[in-house]
């Protein structure tokens, strides 16, 4: 997602390990590509 304030990348998949799951979520960079 690109906005006037940042670029955000969201991994839309969870991780599973030893019958447990966790989400990675989004990372971002505060750059105005617009």
ModelCIF file with pLDDT and N, C-alpha, C, O atoms, coordinates in Angstrom:
data_MODEL
#
_entry.id   MODEL 
#
_entity.id                         1 
_entity.type                       polymer 
_entity.pdbx_number_of_molecules   1 
#
_entity_poly.entity_id                      1 
_entity_poly.type                           'polypeptide(L)' 
_entity_poly.nstd_linkage                   no 
_entity_poly.nstd_monomer                   no 
_entity_poly.pdbx_seq_one_letter_code       
;(UNK)(UNK)(UNK)(UNK)(UNK)(UNK)(UNK)(UNK)(UNK)(UNK)(UNK)(UNK)(UNK)(UNK)(UNK)(UNK)
(UNK)(UNK)(UNK)(UNK)(UNK)(UNK)(UNK)(UNK)(UNK)(UNK)(UNK)(UNK)(UNK)(UNK)(UNK)(UNK)
(UNK)(UNK)
;
_entity_poly.pdbx_seq_one_letter_code_can   XXXXXXXXXXXXXXXXXXXXXXXXXXXXXXXXXX 
_entity_poly.pdbx_strand_id                 A 
#
loop_
_entity_poly_seq.entity_id 
_entity_poly_seq.num 
_entity_poly_seq.mon_id 
_entity_poly_seq.hetero 
1 1  UNK n 
1 2  UNK n 
1 3  UNK n 
1 4  UNK n 
1 5  UNK n 
1 6  UNK n 
1 7  UNK n 
1 8  UNK n 
1 9  UNK n 
1 10 UNK n 
1 11 UNK n 
1 12 UNK n 
1 13 UNK n 
1 14 UNK n 
1 15 UNK n 
1 16 UNK n 
1 17 UNK n 
1 18 UNK n 
1 19 UNK n 
1 20 UNK n 
1 21 UNK n 
1 22 UNK n 
1 23 UNK n 
1 24 UNK n 
1 25 UNK n 
1 26 UNK n 
1 27 UNK n 
1 28 UNK n 
1 29 UNK n 
1 30 UNK n 
1 31 UNK n 
1 32 UNK n 
1 33 UNK n 
1 34 UNK n 
#
_struct_asym.id          A 
_struct_asym.entity_id   1 
#
loop_
_ma_qa_metric.id 
_ma_qa_metric.mode 
_ma_qa_metric.name 
_ma_qa_metric.software_group_id 
_ma_qa_metric.type 
1 global pLDDT . pLDDT 
2 local  pLDDT . pLDDT 
#
_ma_qa_metric_global.metric_id      1 
_ma_qa_metric_global.metric_value   93.38 
_ma_qa_metric_global.model_id       1 
_ma_qa_metric_global.ordinal_id     1 
#
loop_
_ma_qa_metric_local.label_asym_id 
_ma_qa_metric_local.label_comp_id 
_ma_qa_metric_local.label_seq_id 
_ma_qa_metric_local.metric_id 
_ma_qa_metric_local.metric_value 
_ma_qa_metric_local.model_id 
_ma_qa_metric_local.ordinal_id 
A UNK 1  2 97.00 1 1  
A UNK 2  2 97.00 1 2  
A UNK 3  2 95.00 1 3  
A UNK 4  2 92.00 1 4  
A UNK 5  2 91.00 1 5  
A UNK 6  2 96.00 1 6  
A UNK 7  2 97.00 1 7  
A UNK 8  2 98.00 1 8  
A UNK 9  2 97.00 1 9  
A UNK 10 2 96.00 1 10 
A UNK 11 2 95.00 1 11 
A UNK 12 2 91.00 1 12 
A UNK 13 2 90.00 1 13 
A UNK 14 2 92.00 1 14 
A UNK 15 2 92.00 1 15 
A UNK 16 2 93.00 1 16 
A UNK 17 2 91.00 1 17 
A UNK 18 2 88.00 1 18 
A UNK 19 2 89.00 1 19 
A UNK 20 2 92.00 1 20 
A UNK 21 2 92.00 1 21 
A UNK 22 2 92.00 1 22 
A UNK 23 2 91.00 1 23 
A UNK 24 2 91.00 1 24 
A UNK 25 2 88.00 1 25 
A UNK 26 2 94.00 1 26 
A UNK 27 2 96.00 1 27 
A UNK 28 2 96.00 1 28 
A UNK 29 2 96.00 1 29 
A UNK 30 2 95.00 1 30 
A UNK 31 2 93.00 1 31 
A UNK 32 2 93.00 1 32 
A UNK 33 2 95.00 1 33 
A UNK 34 2 94.00 1 34 
#
loop_
_atom_site.group_PDB 
_atom_site.id 
_atom_site.type_symbol 
_atom_site.label_atom_id 
_atom_site.label_alt_id 
_atom_site.label_comp_id 
_atom_site.label_asym_id 
_atom_site.label_entity_id 
_atom_site.label_seq_id 
_atom_site.pdbx_PDB_ins_code 
_atom_site.Cartn_x 
_atom_site.Cartn_y 
_atom_site.Cartn_z 
_atom_site.occupancy 
_atom_site.B_iso_or_equiv 
_atom_site.pdbx_formal_charge 
_atom_site.auth_seq_id 
_atom_site.auth_comp_id 
_atom_site.auth_asym_id 
_atom_site.auth_atom_id 
_atom_site.pdbx_PDB_model_num 
ATOM 1   N N  . UNK A 1 1  ? 0.848  -1.183  0.000  1.00 97.00 ? 1  UNK A N  1 
ATOM 2   C CA . UNK A 1 1  ? 0.000  0.000   0.000  1.00 97.00 ? 1  UNK A CA 1 
ATOM 3   C C  . UNK A 1 1  ? 0.889  1.240   0.000  1.00 97.00 ? 1  UNK A C  1 
ATOM 4   O O  . UNK A 1 1  ? 1.772  1.382   0.845  1.00 97.00 ? 1  UNK A O  1 
ATOM 5   N N  . UNK A 1 2  ? 0.645  2.137   -0.960 1.00 97.00 ? 2  UNK A N  1 
ATOM 6   C CA . UNK A 1 2  ? 1.431  3.364   -1.081 1.00 97.00 ? 2  UNK A CA 1 
ATOM 7   C C  . UNK A 1 2  ? 0.541  4.552   -0.762 1.00 97.00 ? 2  UNK A C  1 
ATOM 8   O O  . UNK A 1 2  ? -0.491 4.752   -1.401 1.00 97.00 ? 2  UNK A O  1 
ATOM 9   N N  . UNK A 1 3  ? 0.937  5.334   0.220  1.00 95.00 ? 3  UNK A N  1 
ATOM 10  C CA . UNK A 1 3  ? 0.205  6.545   0.578  1.00 95.00 ? 3  UNK A CA 1 
ATOM 11  C C  . UNK A 1 3  ? 1.151  7.739   0.476  1.00 95.00 ? 3  UNK A C  1 
ATOM 12  O O  . UNK A 1 3  ? 2.316  7.590   0.109  1.00 95.00 ? 3  UNK A O  1 
ATOM 13  N N  . UNK A 1 4  ? 0.644  8.908   0.801  1.00 92.00 ? 4  UNK A N  1 
ATOM 14  C CA . UNK A 1 4  ? 1.473  10.110  0.765  1.00 92.00 ? 4  UNK A CA 1 
ATOM 15  C C  . UNK A 1 4  ? 2.420  10.185  1.958  1.00 92.00 ? 4  UNK A C  1 
ATOM 16  O O  . UNK A 1 4  ? 3.229  11.107  2.053  1.00 92.00 ? 4  UNK A O  1 
ATOM 17  N N  . UNK A 1 5  ? 2.324  9.228   2.858  1.00 91.00 ? 5  UNK A N  1 
ATOM 18  C CA . UNK A 1 5  ? 3.153  9.251   4.061  1.00 91.00 ? 5  UNK A CA 1 
ATOM 19  C C  . UNK A 1 5  ? 4.123  8.082   4.159  1.00 91.00 ? 5  UNK A C  1 
ATOM 20  O O  . UNK A 1 5  ? 5.142  8.180   4.842  1.00 91.00 ? 5  UNK A O  1 
ATOM 21  N N  . UNK A 1 6  ? 3.816  6.971   3.481  1.00 96.00 ? 6  UNK A N  1 
ATOM 22  C CA . UNK A 1 6  ? 4.667  5.800   3.641  1.00 96.00 ? 6  UNK A CA 1 
ATOM 23  C C  . UNK A 1 6  ? 4.359  4.749   2.578  1.00 96.00 ? 6  UNK A C  1 
ATOM 24  O O  . UNK A 1 6  ? 3.384  4.841   1.832  1.00 96.00 ? 6  UNK A O  1 
ATOM 25  N N  . UNK A 1 7  ? 5.239  3.743   2.544  1.00 97.00 ? 7  UNK A N  1 
ATOM 26  C CA . UNK A 1 7  ? 5.016  2.531   1.744  1.00 97.00 ? 7  UNK A CA 1 
ATOM 27  C C  . UNK A 1 7  ? 4.930  1.380   2.734  1.00 97.00 ? 7  UNK A C  1 
ATOM 28  O O  . UNK A 1 7  ? 5.838  1.174   3.540  1.00 97.00 ? 7  UNK A O  1 
ATOM 29  N N  . UNK A 1 8  ? 3.833  0.629   2.669  1.00 98.00 ? 8  UNK A N  1 
ATOM 30  C CA . UNK A 1 8  ? 3.608  -0.466  3.615  1.00 98.00 ? 8  UNK A CA 1 
ATOM 31  C C  . UNK A 1 8  ? 3.513  -1.790  2.867  1.00 98.00 ? 8  UNK A C  1 
ATOM 32  O O  . UNK A 1 8  ? 2.854  -1.884  1.832  1.00 98.00 ? 8  UNK A O  1 
ATOM 33  N N  . UNK A 1 9  ? 4.176  -2.804  3.398  1.00 97.00 ? 9  UNK A N  1 
ATOM 34  C CA . UNK A 1 9  ? 4.133  -4.152  2.820  1.00 97.00 ? 9  UNK A CA 1 
ATOM 35  C C  . UNK A 1 9  ? 3.604  -5.113  3.875  1.00 97.00 ? 9  UNK A C  1 
ATOM 36  O O  . UNK A 1 9  ? 4.187  -5.251  4.951  1.00 97.00 ? 9  UNK A O  1 
ATOM 37  N N  . UNK A 1 10 ? 2.505  -5.771  3.562  1.00 96.00 ? 10 UNK A N  1 
ATOM 38  C CA . UNK A 1 10 ? 1.840  -6.660  4.521  1.00 96.00 ? 10 UNK A CA 1 
ATOM 39  C C  . UNK A 1 10 ? 1.879  -8.094  4.008  1.00 96.00 ? 10 UNK A C  1 
ATOM 40  O O  . UNK A 1 10 ? 1.377  -8.380  2.921  1.00 96.00 ? 10 UNK A O  1 
ATOM 41  N N  . UNK A 1 11 ? 2.477  -9.002  4.790  1.00 95.00 ? 11 UNK A N  1 
ATOM 42  C CA . UNK A 1 11 ? 2.500  -10.421 4.436  1.00 95.00 ? 11 UNK A CA 1 
ATOM 43  C C  . UNK A 1 11 ? 1.186  -11.046 4.862  1.00 95.00 ? 11 UNK A C  1 
ATOM 44  O O  . UNK A 1 11 ? 0.933  -11.237 6.051  1.00 95.00 ? 11 UNK A O  1 
ATOM 45  N N  . UNK A 1 12 ? 0.348  -11.364 3.879  1.00 91.00 ? 12 UNK A N  1 
ATOM 46  C CA . UNK A 1 12 ? -0.994 -11.872 4.167  1.00 91.00 ? 12 UNK A CA 1 
ATOM 47  C C  . UNK A 1 12 ? -0.994 -13.392 4.284  1.00 91.00 ? 12 UNK A C  1 
ATOM 48  O O  . UNK A 1 12 ? -1.751 -14.082 3.600  1.00 91.00 ? 12 UNK A O  1 
ATOM 49  N N  . UNK A 1 13 ? -0.145 -13.894 5.147  1.00 90.00 ? 13 UNK A N  1 
ATOM 50  C CA . UNK A 1 13 ? -0.088 -15.325 5.440  1.00 90.00 ? 13 UNK A CA 1 
ATOM 51  C C  . UNK A 1 13 ? 0.539  -15.509 6.810  1.00 90.00 ? 13 UNK A C  1 
ATOM 52  O O  . UNK A 1 13 ? 1.530  -14.857 7.137  1.00 90.00 ? 13 UNK A O  1 
ATOM 53  N N  . UNK A 1 14 ? -0.038 -16.396 7.613  1.00 92.00 ? 14 UNK A N  1 
ATOM 54  C CA . UNK A 1 14 ? 0.510  -16.664 8.938  1.00 92.00 ? 14 UNK A CA 1 
ATOM 55  C C  . UNK A 1 14 ? 1.582  -17.753 8.854  1.00 92.00 ? 14 UNK A C  1 
ATOM 56  O O  . UNK A 1 14 ? 1.721  -18.439 7.842  1.00 92.00 ? 14 UNK A O  1 
ATOM 57  N N  . UNK A 1 15 ? 2.325  -17.887 9.938  1.00 92.00 ? 15 UNK A N  1 
ATOM 58  C CA . UNK A 1 15 ? 3.310  -18.960 10.071 1.00 92.00 ? 15 UNK A CA 1 
ATOM 59  C C  . UNK A 1 15 ? 2.798  -19.991 11.063 1.00 92.00 ? 15 UNK A C  1 
ATOM 60  O O  . UNK A 1 15 ? 2.114  -19.649 12.027 1.00 92.00 ? 15 UNK A O  1 
ATOM 61  N N  . UNK A 1 16 ? 3.128  -21.249 10.826 1.00 93.00 ? 16 UNK A N  1 
ATOM 62  C CA . UNK A 1 16 ? 2.788  -22.313 11.766 1.00 93.00 ? 16 UNK A CA 1 
ATOM 63  C C  . UNK A 1 16 ? 4.046  -23.093 12.114 1.00 93.00 ? 16 UNK A C  1 
ATOM 64  O O  . UNK A 1 16 ? 4.875  -23.395 11.255 1.00 93.00 ? 16 UNK A O  1 
ATOM 65  N N  . UNK A 1 17 ? 4.164  -23.415 13.413 1.00 91.00 ? 17 UNK A N  1 
ATOM 66  C CA . UNK A 1 17 ? 5.331  -24.158 13.892 1.00 91.00 ? 17 UNK A CA 1 
ATOM 67  C C  . UNK A 1 17 ? 4.953  -24.847 15.194 1.00 91.00 ? 17 UNK A C  1 
ATOM 68  O O  . UNK A 1 17 ? 4.498  -24.205 16.141 1.00 91.00 ? 17 UNK A O  1 
ATOM 69  N N  . UNK A 1 18 ? 5.146  -26.159 15.230 1.00 88.00 ? 18 UNK A N  1 
ATOM 70  C CA . UNK A 1 18 ? 4.834  -26.966 16.412 1.00 88.00 ? 18 UNK A CA 1 
ATOM 71  C C  . UNK A 1 18 ? 3.411  -26.686 16.918 1.00 88.00 ? 18 UNK A C  1 
ATOM 72  O O  . UNK A 1 18 ? 3.188  -26.428 18.101 1.00 88.00 ? 18 UNK A O  1 
ATOM 73  N N  . UNK A 1 19 ? 2.463  -26.747 15.982 1.00 89.00 ? 19 UNK A N  1 
ATOM 74  C CA . UNK A 1 19 ? 1.029  -26.576 16.275 1.00 89.00 ? 19 UNK A CA 1 
ATOM 75  C C  . UNK A 1 19 ? 0.673  -25.190 16.812 1.00 89.00 ? 19 UNK A C  1 
ATOM 76  O O  . UNK A 1 19 ? -0.377 -25.008 17.428 1.00 89.00 ? 19 UNK A O  1 
ATOM 77  N N  . UNK A 1 20 ? 1.539  -24.230 16.580 1.00 92.00 ? 20 UNK A N  1 
ATOM 78  C CA . UNK A 1 20 ? 1.247  -22.856 16.957 1.00 92.00 ? 20 UNK A CA 1 
ATOM 79  C C  . UNK A 1 20 ? 1.338  -21.965 15.726 1.00 92.00 ? 20 UNK A C  1 
ATOM 80  O O  . UNK A 1 20 ? 2.117  -22.242 14.814 1.00 92.00 ? 20 UNK A O  1 
ATOM 81  N N  . UNK A 1 21 ? 0.558  -20.911 15.695 1.00 92.00 ? 21 UNK A N  1 
ATOM 82  C CA . UNK A 1 21 ? 0.573  -19.989 14.558 1.00 92.00 ? 21 UNK A CA 1 
ATOM 83  C C  . UNK A 1 21 ? 0.866  -18.572 15.038 1.00 92.00 ? 21 UNK A C  1 
ATOM 84  O O  . UNK A 1 21 ? 0.618  -18.218 16.191 1.00 92.00 ? 21 UNK A O  1 
ATOM 85  N N  . UNK A 1 22 ? 1.397  -17.780 14.124 1.00 92.00 ? 22 UNK A N  1 
ATOM 86  C CA . UNK A 1 22 ? 1.682  -16.377 14.428 1.00 92.00 ? 22 UNK A CA 1 
ATOM 87  C C  . UNK A 1 22 ? 1.661  -15.592 13.125 1.00 92.00 ? 22 UNK A C  1 
ATOM 88  O O  . UNK A 1 22 ? 2.026  -16.117 12.073 1.00 92.00 ? 22 UNK A O  1 
ATOM 89  N N  . UNK A 1 23 ? 1.240  -14.353 13.192 1.00 91.00 ? 23 UNK A N  1 
ATOM 90  C CA . UNK A 1 23 ? 1.221  -13.492 12.014 1.00 91.00 ? 23 UNK A CA 1 
ATOM 91  C C  . UNK A 1 23 ? 2.493  -12.654 11.974 1.00 91.00 ? 23 UNK A C  1 
ATOM 92  O O  . UNK A 1 23 ? 3.062  -12.308 13.009 1.00 91.00 ? 23 UNK A O  1 
ATOM 93  N N  . UNK A 1 24 ? 2.918  -12.342 10.776 1.00 91.00 ? 24 UNK A N  1 
ATOM 94  C CA . UNK A 1 24 ? 4.111  -11.520 10.591 1.00 91.00 ? 24 UNK A CA 1 
ATOM 95  C C  . UNK A 1 24 ? 3.726  -10.045 10.577 1.00 91.00 ? 24 UNK A C  1 
ATOM 96  O O  . UNK A 1 24 ? 4.443  -9.203  11.118 1.00 91.00 ? 24 UNK A O  1 
ATOM 97  N N  . UNK A 1 25 ? 2.594  -9.741  9.957  1.00 88.00 ? 25 UNK A N  1 
ATOM 98  C CA . UNK A 1 25 ? 2.129  -8.367  9.930  1.00 88.00 ? 25 UNK A CA 1 
ATOM 99  C C  . UNK A 1 25 ? 2.799  -7.540  8.856  1.00 88.00 ? 25 UNK A C  1 
ATOM 100 O O  . UNK A 1 25 ? 3.352  -8.081  7.899  1.00 88.00 ? 25 UNK A O  1 
ATOM 101 N N  . UNK A 1 26 ? 2.749  -6.226  9.015  1.00 94.00 ? 26 UNK A N  1 
ATOM 102 C CA . UNK A 1 26 ? 3.222  -5.299  7.993  1.00 94.00 ? 26 UNK A CA 1 
ATOM 103 C C  . UNK A 1 26 ? 4.516  -4.611  8.419  1.00 94.00 ? 26 UNK A C  1 
ATOM 104 O O  . UNK A 1 26 ? 4.766  -4.388  9.604  1.00 94.00 ? 26 UNK A O  1 
ATOM 105 N N  . UNK A 1 27 ? 5.325  -4.283  7.421  1.00 96.00 ? 27 UNK A N  1 
ATOM 106 C CA . UNK A 1 27 ? 6.506  -3.447  7.621  1.00 96.00 ? 27 UNK A CA 1 
ATOM 107 C C  . UNK A 1 27 ? 6.328  -2.211  6.757  1.00 96.00 ? 27 UNK A C  1 
ATOM 108 O O  . UNK A 1 27 ? 5.508  -2.210  5.839  1.00 96.00 ? 27 UNK A O  1 
ATOM 109 N N  . UNK A 1 28 ? 7.086  -1.157  7.041  1.00 96.00 ? 28 UNK A N  1 
ATOM 110 C CA . UNK A 1 28 ? 6.860  0.083   6.303  1.00 96.00 ? 28 UNK A CA 1 
ATOM 111 C C  . UNK A 1 28 ? 8.119  0.910   6.176  1.00 96.00 ? 28 UNK A C  1 
ATOM 112 O O  . UNK A 1 28 ? 9.103  0.702   6.885  1.00 96.00 ? 28 UNK A O  1 
ATOM 113 N N  . UNK A 1 29 ? 8.063  1.859   5.247  1.00 96.00 ? 29 UNK A N  1 
ATOM 114 C CA . UNK A 1 29 ? 9.129  2.832   5.048  1.00 96.00 ? 29 UNK A CA 1 
ATOM 115 C C  . UNK A 1 29 ? 8.467  4.196   4.859  1.00 96.00 ? 29 UNK A C  1 
ATOM 116 O O  . UNK A 1 29 ? 7.552  4.345   4.049  1.00 96.00 ? 29 UNK A O  1 
ATOM 117 N N  . UNK A 1 30 ? 8.937  5.184   5.614  1.00 95.00 ? 30 UNK A N  1 
ATOM 118 C CA . UNK A 1 30 ? 8.313  6.509   5.582  1.00 95.00 ? 30 UNK A CA 1 
ATOM 119 C C  . UNK A 1 30 ? 8.839  7.349   4.421  1.00 95.00 ? 30 UNK A C  1 
ATOM 120 O O  . UNK A 1 30 ? 9.567  8.322   4.620  1.00 95.00 ? 30 UNK A O  1 
ATOM 121 N N  . UNK A 1 31 ? 8.460  6.956   3.212  1.00 93.00 ? 31 UNK A N  1 
ATOM 122 C CA . UNK A 1 31 ? 8.860  7.691   2.019  1.00 93.00 ? 31 UNK A CA 1 
ATOM 123 C C  . UNK A 1 31 ? 7.610  8.097   1.251  1.00 93.00 ? 31 UNK A C  1 
ATOM 124 O O  . UNK A 1 31 ? 6.660  7.321   1.143  1.00 93.00 ? 31 UNK A O  1 
ATOM 125 N N  . UNK A 1 32 ? 7.614  9.299   0.725  1.00 93.00 ? 32 UNK A N  1 
ATOM 126 C CA . UNK A 1 32 ? 6.474  9.817   -0.024 1.00 93.00 ? 32 UNK A CA 1 
ATOM 127 C C  . UNK A 1 32 ? 6.724  9.625   -1.514 1.00 93.00 ? 32 UNK A C  1 
ATOM 128 O O  . UNK A 1 32 ? 7.272  10.509  -2.173 1.00 93.00 ? 32 UNK A O  1 
ATOM 129 N N  . UNK A 1 33 ? 6.326  8.474   -2.047 1.00 95.00 ? 33 UNK A N  1 
ATOM 130 C CA . UNK A 1 33 ? 6.514  8.208   -3.477 1.00 95.00 ? 33 UNK A CA 1 
ATOM 131 C C  . UNK A 1 33 ? 5.591  9.062   -4.335 1.00 95.00 ? 33 UNK A C  1 
ATOM 132 O O  . UNK A 1 33 ? 5.901  9.330   -5.496 1.00 95.00 ? 33 UNK A O  1 
ATOM 133 N N  . UNK A 1 34 ? 4.474  9.488   -3.788 1.00 94.00 ? 34 UNK A N  1 
ATOM 134 C CA . UNK A 1 34 ? 3.571  10.363  -4.552 1.00 94.00 ? 34 UNK A CA 1 
ATOM 135 C C  . UNK A 1 34 ? 4.264  11.684  -4.891 1.00 94.00 ? 34 UNK A C  1 
ATOM 136 O O  . UNK A 1 34 ? 3.666  12.549  -5.530 1.00 94.00 ? 34 UNK A O  1 
#
